[in-house]
Structures are given as C-alpha cells and as structure tokens.
Amino acid sequence: MLDPFDYQYMVWQEWKEGFALYIENKIRKHMGVDKNMVGRTTPYGRTAFYAGGAGYISYLTEDKPELLIDIEELFYIMRGSKY
C-alpha cells in the first residue's frame, strides 16, 4: 500500500529507533530496571514503530544473533531485500 520511498522510510524508522529501544531494554534488564514500554499503549503514535521495530529485531536475532553486530545486514533483512 505504500510507495517504495515511504516503505523504505517506515523500515528505516523501525530499524533505527527499534534498534535503539532494543539495546536500551537489554541494558535495563541487565540493570534490573523495568522495560521501556514506549509505543505499546493507545493512542498509538510514531513511537509504535519503535516498539514494532524492537520486537522484530528481537525476533530476527533469536535465530541470527550475528545481526546484532551487522546492523546494515539487519536493515536489509527488515526491508526484505538488499537492493
């Protein structure tokens, strides 16, 4: 439903902000602090992309933990193609 430019921008937001939220919540877990649940409550706003991206990254890295150090490849996988 989105044109290619808008779709890539959406994935970029999920990747960029989702990765930041994913890392933040890993640190919070290590420090014994509650998760940052941004974007998971109504009304949904732009931060819902952060939560969606963090969840997707968590899912993808369960089977491929090496993606956590190859974030460019992670982006391409999230986008659905390398080009």
PDB file of N, CA and C in Angstrom:
ATOM      1  N   MET A   1       0.812  -1.193   0.000  1.00  0.00           N
ATOM      2  CA  MET A   1       0.000   0.000   0.000  1.00  0.00           C
ATOM      3  C   MET A   1       0.858   1.261   0.000  1.00  0.00           C
ATOM      4  N   LEU A   2       2.099   1.166   0.462  1.00  0.00           N
ATOM      5  CA  LEU A   2       2.992   2.321   0.460  1.00  0.00           C
ATOM      6  C   LEU A   2       3.845   2.312  -0.790  1.00  0.00           C
ATOM      7  N   ASP A   3       4.184   3.500  -1.263  1.00  0.00           N
ATOM      8  CA  ASP A   3       5.117   3.527  -2.387  1.00  0.00           C
ATOM      9  C   ASP A   3       6.502   3.152  -1.858  1.00  0.00           C
ATOM     10  N   PRO A   4       7.424   2.770  -2.740  1.00  0.00           N
ATOM     11  CA  PRO A   4       8.738   2.281  -2.288  1.00  0.00           C
ATOM     12  C   PRO A   4       9.485   3.236  -1.356  1.00  0.00           C
ATOM     13  N   PHE A   5       9.420   4.532  -1.623  1.00  0.00           N
ATOM     14  CA  PHE A   5      10.112   5.505  -0.770  1.00  0.00           C
ATOM     15  C   PHE A   5       9.534   5.495   0.643  1.00  0.00           C
ATOM     16  N   ASP A   6       8.204   5.556   0.747  1.00  0.00           N
ATOM     17  CA  ASP A   6       7.564   5.575   2.059  1.00  0.00           C
ATOM     18  C   ASP A   6       7.775   4.262   2.810  1.00  0.00           C
ATOM     19  N   TYR A   7       7.764   3.147   2.087  1.00  0.00           N
ATOM     20  CA  TYR A   7       8.011   1.851   2.726  1.00  0.00           C
ATOM     21  C   TYR A   7       9.427   1.803   3.295  1.00  0.00           C
ATOM     22  N   GLN A   8      10.403   2.252   2.517  1.00  0.00           N
ATOM     23  CA  GLN A   8      11.783   2.239   2.993  1.00  0.00           C
ATOM     24  C   GLN A   8      11.935   3.155   4.200  1.00  0.00           C
ATOM     25  N   TYR A   9      11.267   4.301   4.189  1.00  0.00           N
ATOM     26  CA  TYR A   9      11.332   5.211   5.334  1.00  0.00           C
ATOM     27  C   TYR A   9      10.738   4.555   6.579  1.00  0.00           C
ATOM     28  N   MET A  10       9.609   3.849   6.415  1.00  0.00           N
ATOM     29  CA  MET A  10       8.986   3.159   7.529  1.00  0.00           C
ATOM     30  C   MET A  10       9.950   2.123   8.120  1.00  0.00           C
ATOM     31  N   VAL A  11      10.560   1.327   7.264  1.00  0.00           N
ATOM     32  CA  VAL A  11      11.502   0.301   7.735  1.00  0.00           C
ATOM     33  C   VAL A  11      12.708   0.960   8.383  1.00  0.00           C
ATOM     34  N   TRP A  12      13.174   2.061   7.820  1.00  0.00           N
ATOM     35  CA  TRP A  12      14.314   2.772   8.408  1.00  0.00           C
ATOM     36  C   TRP A  12      13.981   3.223   9.831  1.00  0.00           C
ATOM     37  N   GLN A  13      12.769   3.749  10.037  1.00  0.00           N
ATOM     38  CA  GLN A  13      12.355   4.168  11.385  1.00  0.00           C
ATOM     39  C   GLN A  13      12.301   2.972  12.325  1.00  0.00           C
ATOM     40  N   GLU A  14      11.730   1.863  11.849  1.00  0.00           N
ATOM     41  CA  GLU A  14      11.672   0.661  12.686  1.00  0.00           C
ATOM     42  C   GLU A  14      13.072   0.168  13.033  1.00  0.00           C
ATOM     43  N   TRP A  15      13.961   0.211  12.055  1.00  0.00           N
ATOM     44  CA  TRP A  15      15.340  -0.261  12.258  1.00  0.00           C
ATOM     45  C   TRP A  15      16.089   0.666  13.210  1.00  0.00           C
ATOM     46  N   LYS A  16      16.075   1.952  12.912  1.00  0.00           N
ATOM     47  CA  LYS A  16      16.857   2.934  13.678  1.00  0.00           C
ATOM     48  C   LYS A  16      16.349   3.053  15.117  1.00  0.00           C
ATOM     49  N   GLU A  17      15.085   3.356  15.265  1.00  0.00           N
ATOM     50  CA  GLU A  17      14.538   3.556  16.608  1.00  0.00           C
ATOM     51  C   GLU A  17      14.284   2.225  17.315  1.00  0.00           C
ATOM     52  N   GLY A  18      13.938   1.203  16.544  1.00  0.00           N
ATOM     53  CA  GLY A  18      13.734  -0.116  17.129  1.00  0.00           C
ATOM     54  C   GLY A  18      15.016  -0.683  17.693  1.00  0.00           C
ATOM     55  N   PHE A  19      16.126  -0.493  16.985  1.00  0.00           N
ATOM     56  CA  PHE A  19      17.407  -0.991  17.481  1.00  0.00           C
ATOM     57  C   PHE A  19      17.798  -0.247  18.753  1.00  0.00           C
ATOM     58  N   ALA A  20      17.573   1.048  18.780  1.00  0.00           N
ATOM     59  CA  ALA A  20      17.881   1.830  19.986  1.00  0.00           C
ATOM     60  C   ALA A  20      17.050   1.346  21.172  1.00  0.00           C
ATOM     61  N   LEU A  21      15.758   1.103  20.960  1.00  0.00           N
ATOM     62  CA  LEU A  21      14.898   0.622  22.041  1.00  0.00           C
ATOM     63  C   LEU A  21      15.284  -0.796  22.455  1.00  0.00           C
ATOM     64  N   TYR A  22      15.636  -1.624  21.497  1.00  0.00           N
ATOM     65  CA  TYR A  22      16.078  -2.987  21.794  1.00  0.00           C
ATOM     66  C   TYR A  22      17.306  -2.956  22.717  1.00  0.00           C
ATOM     67  N   ILE A  23      18.297  -2.157  22.363  1.00  0.00           N
ATOM     68  CA  ILE A  23      19.519  -2.044  23.166  1.00  0.00           C
ATOM     69  C   ILE A  23      19.206  -1.436  24.540  1.00  0.00           C
ATOM     70  N   GLU A  24      18.382  -0.392  24.551  1.00  0.00           N
ATOM     71  CA  GLU A  24      18.007   0.222  25.830  1.00  0.00           C
ATOM     72  C   GLU A  24      17.383  -0.810  26.768  1.00  0.00           C
ATOM     73  N   ASN A  25      16.480  -1.627  26.248  1.00  0.00           N
ATOM     74  CA  ASN A  25      15.822  -2.609  27.104  1.00  0.00           C
ATOM     75  C   ASN A  25      16.753  -3.743  27.524  1.00  0.00           C
ATOM     76  N   LYS A  26      17.751  -4.069  26.709  1.00  0.00           N
ATOM     77  CA  LYS A  26      18.769  -5.035  27.136  1.00  0.00           C
ATOM     78  C   LYS A  26      19.552  -4.469  28.325  1.00  0.00           C
ATOM     79  N   ILE A  27      19.913  -3.195  28.251  1.00  0.00           N
ATOM     80  CA  ILE A  27      20.639  -2.541  29.347  1.00  0.00           C
ATOM     81  C   ILE A  27      19.754  -2.471  30.587  1.00  0.00           C
ATOM     82  N   ARG A  28      18.489  -2.111  30.403  1.00  0.00           N
ATOM     83  CA  ARG A  28      17.565  -2.033  31.534  1.00  0.00           C
ATOM     84  C   ARG A  28      17.433  -3.391  32.223  1.00  0.00           C
ATOM     85  N   LYS A  29      17.334  -4.448  31.436  1.00  0.00           N
ATOM     86  CA  LYS A  29      17.228  -5.787  32.011  1.00  0.00           C
ATOM     87  C   LYS A  29      18.480  -6.112  32.828  1.00  0.00           C
ATOM     88  N   HIS A  30      19.624  -5.792  32.258  1.00  0.00           N
ATOM     89  CA  HIS A  30      20.898  -6.038  32.954  1.00  0.00           C
ATOM     90  C   HIS A  30      20.980  -5.255  34.271  1.00  0.00           C
ATOM     91  N   MET A  31      20.414  -4.064  34.281  1.00  0.00           N
ATOM     92  CA  MET A  31      20.473  -3.205  35.468  1.00  0.00           C
ATOM     93  C   MET A  31      19.317  -3.465  36.443  1.00  0.00           C
ATOM     94  N   GLY A  32      18.394  -4.361  36.066  1.00  0.00           N
ATOM     95  CA  GLY A  32      17.262  -4.665  36.937  1.00  0.00           C
ATOM     96  C   GLY A  32      16.184  -3.604  36.932  1.00  0.00           C
ATOM     97  N   VAL A  33      16.079  -2.859  35.820  1.00  0.00           N
ATOM     98  CA  VAL A  33      15.093  -1.789  35.685  1.00  0.00           C
ATOM     99  C   VAL A  33      13.999  -2.266  34.728  1.00  0.00           C
ATOM    100  N   ASP A  34      12.760  -1.822  34.976  1.00  0.00           N
ATOM    101  CA  ASP A  34      11.646  -2.199  34.100  1.00  0.00           C
ATOM    102  C   ASP A  34      11.904  -1.780  32.654  1.00  0.00           C
ATOM    103  N   LYS A  35      11.334  -2.553  31.727  1.00  0.00           N
ATOM    104  CA  LYS A  35      11.437  -2.247  30.296  1.00  0.00           C
ATOM    105  C   LYS A  35      10.811  -0.900  29.977  1.00  0.00           C
ATOM    106  N   ASN A  36      11.338  -0.251  28.966  1.00  0.00           N
ATOM    107  CA  ASN A  36      10.714   0.936  28.400  1.00  0.00           C
ATOM    108  C   ASN A  36       9.627   0.430  27.456  1.00  0.00           C
ATOM    109  N   MET A  37       8.376   0.679  27.788  1.00  0.00           N
ATOM    110  CA  MET A  37       7.252   0.155  27.020  1.00  0.00           C
ATOM    111  C   MET A  37       6.696   1.189  26.039  1.00  0.00           C
ATOM    112  N   VAL A  38       7.510   2.118  25.613  1.00  0.00           N
ATOM    113  CA  VAL A  38       7.078   3.168  24.691  1.00  0.00           C
ATOM    114  C   VAL A  38       6.406   2.565  23.457  1.00  0.00           C
ATOM    115  N   GLY A  39       5.333   3.202  23.027  1.00  0.00           N
ATOM    116  CA  GLY A  39       4.676   2.820  21.786  1.00  0.00           C
ATOM    117  C   GLY A  39       3.709   1.667  21.888  1.00  0.00           C
ATOM    118  N   ARG A  40       3.500   1.134  23.074  1.00  0.00           N
ATOM    119  CA  ARG A  40       2.651  -0.051  23.225  1.00  0.00           C
ATOM    120  C   ARG A  40       1.267   0.269  23.791  1.00  0.00           C
ATOM    121  N   THR A  41       0.975   1.526  24.005  1.00  0.00           N
ATOM    122  CA  THR A  41      -0.328   1.890  24.548  1.00  0.00           C
ATOM    123  C   THR A  41      -1.042   2.848  23.611  1.00  0.00           C
ATOM    124  N   THR A  42      -2.359   2.827  23.668  1.00  0.00           N
ATOM    125  CA  THR A  42      -3.149   3.733  22.842  1.00  0.00           C
ATOM    126  C   THR A  42      -3.174   5.107  23.486  1.00  0.00           C
ATOM    127  N   PRO A  43      -3.339   6.162  22.752  1.00  0.00           N
ATOM    128  CA  PRO A  43      -3.407   6.148  21.289  1.00  0.00           C
ATOM    129  C   PRO A  43      -2.021   5.939  20.684  1.00  0.00           C
ATOM    130  N   TYR A  44      -1.963   5.170  19.649  1.00  0.00           N
ATOM    131  CA  TYR A  44      -0.683   4.877  19.018  1.00  0.00           C
ATOM    132  C   TYR A  44      -0.181   6.084  18.247  1.00  0.00           C
ATOM    133  N   GLY A  45       1.091   6.311  18.333  1.00  0.00           N
ATOM    134  CA  GLY A  45       1.733   7.398  17.609  1.00  0.00           C
ATOM    135  C   GLY A  45       2.970   6.869  16.912  1.00  0.00           C
ATOM    136  N   ARG A  46       3.870   7.758  16.586  1.00  0.00           N
ATOM    137  CA  ARG A  46       5.082   7.359  15.867  1.00  0.00           C
ATOM    138  C   ARG A  46       5.948   6.409  16.676  1.00  0.00           C
ATOM    139  N   THR A  47       5.835   6.465  18.000  1.00  0.00           N
ATOM    140  CA  THR A  47       6.656   5.585  18.826  1.00  0.00           C
ATOM    141  C   THR A  47       6.232   4.122  18.720  1.00  0.00           C
ATOM    142  N   ALA A  48       5.067   3.857  18.147  1.00  0.00           N
ATOM    143  CA  ALA A  48       4.662   2.463  17.918  1.00  0.00           C
ATOM    144  C   ALA A  48       5.639   1.781  16.966  1.00  0.00           C
ATOM    145  N   PHE A  49       6.249   2.559  16.064  1.00  0.00           N
ATOM    146  CA  PHE A  49       7.260   1.993  15.167  1.00  0.00           C
ATOM    147  C   PHE A  49       8.486   1.530  15.954  1.00  0.00           C
ATOM    148  N   TYR A  50       8.801   2.225  17.037  1.00  0.00           N
ATOM    149  CA  TYR A  50       9.954   1.847  17.851  1.00  0.00           C
ATOM    150  C   TYR A  50       9.716   0.475  18.488  1.00  0.00           C
ATOM    151  N   ALA A  51       8.532   0.325  19.083  1.00  0.00           N
ATOM    152  CA  ALA A  51       8.187  -0.947  19.722  1.00  0.00           C
ATOM    153  C   ALA A  51       8.104  -2.066  18.694  1.00  0.00           C
ATOM    154  N   GLY A  52       7.497  -1.785  17.551  1.00  0.00           N
ATOM    155  CA  GLY A  52       7.414  -2.793  16.493  1.00  0.00           C
ATOM    156  C   GLY A  52       8.783  -3.189  15.985  1.00  0.00           C
ATOM    157  N   GLY A  53       9.636  -2.203  15.787  1.00  0.00           N
ATOM    158  CA  GLY A  53      10.998  -2.481  15.330  1.00  0.00           C
ATOM    159  C   GLY A  53      11.790  -3.273  16.350  1.00  0.00           C
ATOM    160  N   ALA A  54      11.668  -2.909  17.625  1.00  0.00           N
ATOM    161  CA  ALA A  54      12.388  -3.636  18.677  1.00  0.00           C
ATOM    162  C   ALA A  54      11.920  -5.082  18.749  1.00  0.00           C
ATOM    163  N   GLY A  55      10.617  -5.285  18.620  1.00  0.00           N
ATOM    164  CA  GLY A  55      10.086  -6.645  18.634  1.00  0.00           C
ATOM    165  C   GLY A  55      10.555  -7.461  17.448  1.00  0.00           C
ATOM    166  N   TYR A  56      10.563  -6.834  16.283  1.00  0.00           N
ATOM    167  CA  TYR A  56      11.014  -7.528  15.068  1.00  0.00           C
ATOM    168  C   TYR A  56      12.502  -7.862  15.162  1.00  0.00           C
ATOM    169  N   ILE A  57      13.292  -6.937  15.666  1.00  0.00           N
ATOM    170  CA  ILE A  57      14.728  -7.172  15.836  1.00  0.00           C
ATOM    171  C   ILE A  57      14.960  -8.311  16.827  1.00  0.00           C
ATOM    172  N   SER A  58      14.210  -8.323  17.908  1.00  0.00           N
ATOM    173  CA  SER A  58      14.330  -9.405  18.872  1.00  0.00           C
ATOM    174  C   SER A  58      14.019 -10.750  18.218  1.00  0.00           C
ATOM    175  N   TYR A  59      12.973 -10.772  17.422  1.00  0.00           N
ATOM    176  CA  TYR A  59      12.583 -11.995  16.711  1.00  0.00           C
ATOM    177  C   TYR A  59      13.675 -12.447  15.741  1.00  0.00           C
ATOM    178  N   LEU A  60      14.185 -11.527  14.935  1.00  0.00           N
ATOM    179  CA  LEU A  60      15.194 -11.876  13.931  1.00  0.00           C
ATOM    180  C   LEU A  60      16.502 -12.343  14.556  1.00  0.00           C
ATOM    181  N   THR A  61      16.864 -11.744  15.672  1.00  0.00           N
ATOM    182  CA  THR A  61      18.163 -12.071  16.270  1.00  0.00           C
ATOM    183  C   THR A  61      18.127 -13.314  17.155  1.00  0.00           C
ATOM    184  N   GLU A  62      16.956 -13.846  17.408  1.00  0.00           N
ATOM    185  CA  GLU A  62      16.885 -15.114  18.141  1.00  0.00           C
ATOM    186  C   GLU A  62      17.600 -16.213  17.350  1.00  0.00           C
ATOM    187  N   ASP A  63      17.343 -16.262  16.050  1.00  0.00           N
ATOM    188  CA  ASP A  63      17.957 -17.278  15.191  1.00  0.00           C
ATOM    189  C   ASP A  63      19.287 -16.824  14.591  1.00  0.00           C
ATOM    190  N   LYS A  64      19.479 -15.520  14.491  1.00  0.00           N
ATOM    191  CA  LYS A  64      20.705 -14.985  13.891  1.00  0.00           C
ATOM    192  C   LYS A  64      21.294 -13.900  14.786  1.00  0.00           C
ATOM    193  N   PRO A  65      21.894 -14.267  15.918  1.00  0.00           N
ATOM    194  CA  PRO A  65      22.439 -13.248  16.825  1.00  0.00           C
ATOM    195  C   PRO A  65      23.550 -12.407  16.197  1.00  0.00           C
ATOM    196  N   GLU A  66      24.170 -12.910  15.142  1.00  0.00           N
ATOM    197  CA  GLU A  66      25.232 -12.141  14.478  1.00  0.00           C
ATOM    198  C   GLU A  66      24.704 -10.840  13.866  1.00  0.00           C
ATOM    199  N   LEU A  67      23.390 -10.734  13.683  1.00  0.00           N
ATOM    200  CA  LEU A  67      22.815  -9.497  13.150  1.00  0.00           C
ATOM    201  C   LEU A  67      22.980  -8.328  14.113  1.00  0.00           C
ATOM    202  N   LEU A  68      23.199  -8.620  15.382  1.00  0.00           N
ATOM    203  CA  LEU A  68      23.386  -7.553  16.356  1.00  0.00           C
ATOM    204  C   LEU A  68      24.689  -6.796  16.145  1.00  0.00           C
ATOM    205  N   ILE A  69      25.633  -7.401  15.442  1.00  0.00           N
ATOM    206  CA  ILE A  69      26.878  -6.689  15.138  1.00  0.00           C
ATOM    207  C   ILE A  69      26.990  -6.347  13.658  1.00  0.00           C
ATOM    208  N   ASP A  70      26.020  -6.769  12.875  1.00  0.00           N
ATOM    209  CA  ASP A  70      25.961  -6.414  11.449  1.00  0.00           C
ATOM    210  C   ASP A  70      24.629  -5.718  11.199  1.00  0.00           C
ATOM    211  N   ILE A  71      24.525  -4.491  11.725  1.00  0.00           N
ATOM    212  CA  ILE A  71      23.232  -3.812  11.678  1.00  0.00           C
ATOM    213  C   ILE A  71      22.844  -3.382  10.268  1.00  0.00           C
ATOM    214  N   GLU A  72      23.824  -3.264   9.362  1.00  0.00           N
ATOM    215  CA  GLU A  72      23.473  -2.979   7.968  1.00  0.00           C
ATOM    216  C   GLU A  72      22.712  -4.162   7.373  1.00  0.00           C
ATOM    217  N   GLU A  73      23.197  -5.358   7.603  1.00  0.00           N
ATOM    218  CA  GLU A  73      22.501  -6.556   7.124  1.00  0.00           C
ATOM    219  C   GLU A  73      21.133  -6.676   7.792  1.00  0.00           C
ATOM    220  N   LEU A  74      21.063  -6.335   9.070  1.00  0.00           N
ATOM    221  CA  LEU A  74      19.792  -6.343   9.783  1.00  0.00           C
ATOM    222  C   LEU A  74      18.785  -5.440   9.080  1.00  0.00           C
ATOM    223  N   PHE A  75      19.215  -4.244   8.675  1.00  0.00           N
ATOM    224  CA  PHE A  75      18.328  -3.333   7.956  1.00  0.00           C
ATOM    225  C   PHE A  75      17.823  -3.962   6.670  1.00  0.00           C
ATOM    226  N   TYR A  76      18.726  -4.551   5.898  1.00  0.00           N
ATOM    227  CA  TYR A  76      18.317  -5.143   4.628  1.00  0.00           C
ATOM    228  C   TYR A  76      17.342  -6.298   4.825  1.00  0.00           C
ATOM    229  N   ILE A  77      17.543  -7.074   5.858  1.00  0.00           N
ATOM    230  CA  ILE A  77      16.609  -8.171   6.135  1.00  0.00           C
ATOM    231  C   ILE A  77      15.249  -7.605   6.538  1.00  0.00           C
ATOM    232  N   MET A  78      15.233  -6.575   7.350  1.00  0.00           N
ATOM    233  CA  MET A  78      13.986  -5.948   7.748  1.00  0.00           C
ATOM    234  C   MET A  78      13.271  -5.344   6.545  1.00  0.00           C
ATOM    235  N   ARG A  79      14.032  -4.810   5.620  1.00  0.00           N
ATOM    236  CA  ARG A  79      13.450  -4.207   4.425  1.00  0.00           C
ATOM    237  C   ARG A  79      12.930  -5.259   3.453  1.00  0.00           C
ATOM    238  N   GLY A  80      13.496  -6.444   3.522  1.00  0.00           N
ATOM    239  CA  GLY A  80      13.029  -7.510   2.659  1.00  0.00           C
ATOM    240  C   GLY A  80      13.915  -7.757   1.459  1.00  0.00           C
ATOM    241  N   SER A  81      14.943  -6.927   1.262  1.00  0.00           N
ATOM    242  CA  SER A  81      15.873  -7.137   0.158  1.00  0.00           C
ATOM    243  C   SER A  81      17.116  -6.307   0.386  1.00  0.00           C
ATOM    244  N   LYS A  82      18.158  -6.655  -0.339  1.00  0.00           N
ATOM    245  CA  LYS A  82      19.409  -5.918  -0.205  1.00  0.00           C
ATOM    246  C   LYS A  82      19.458  -4.702  -1.127  1.00  0.00           C
ATOM    247  N   TYR A  83      18.589  -4.659  -2.089  1.00  0.00           N
ATOM    248  CA  TYR A  83      18.652  -3.539  -3.063  1.00  0.00           C
ATOM    249  C   TYR A  83      17.345  -2.830  -3.185  1.00  0.00           C
TER     250      TYR A  83
END
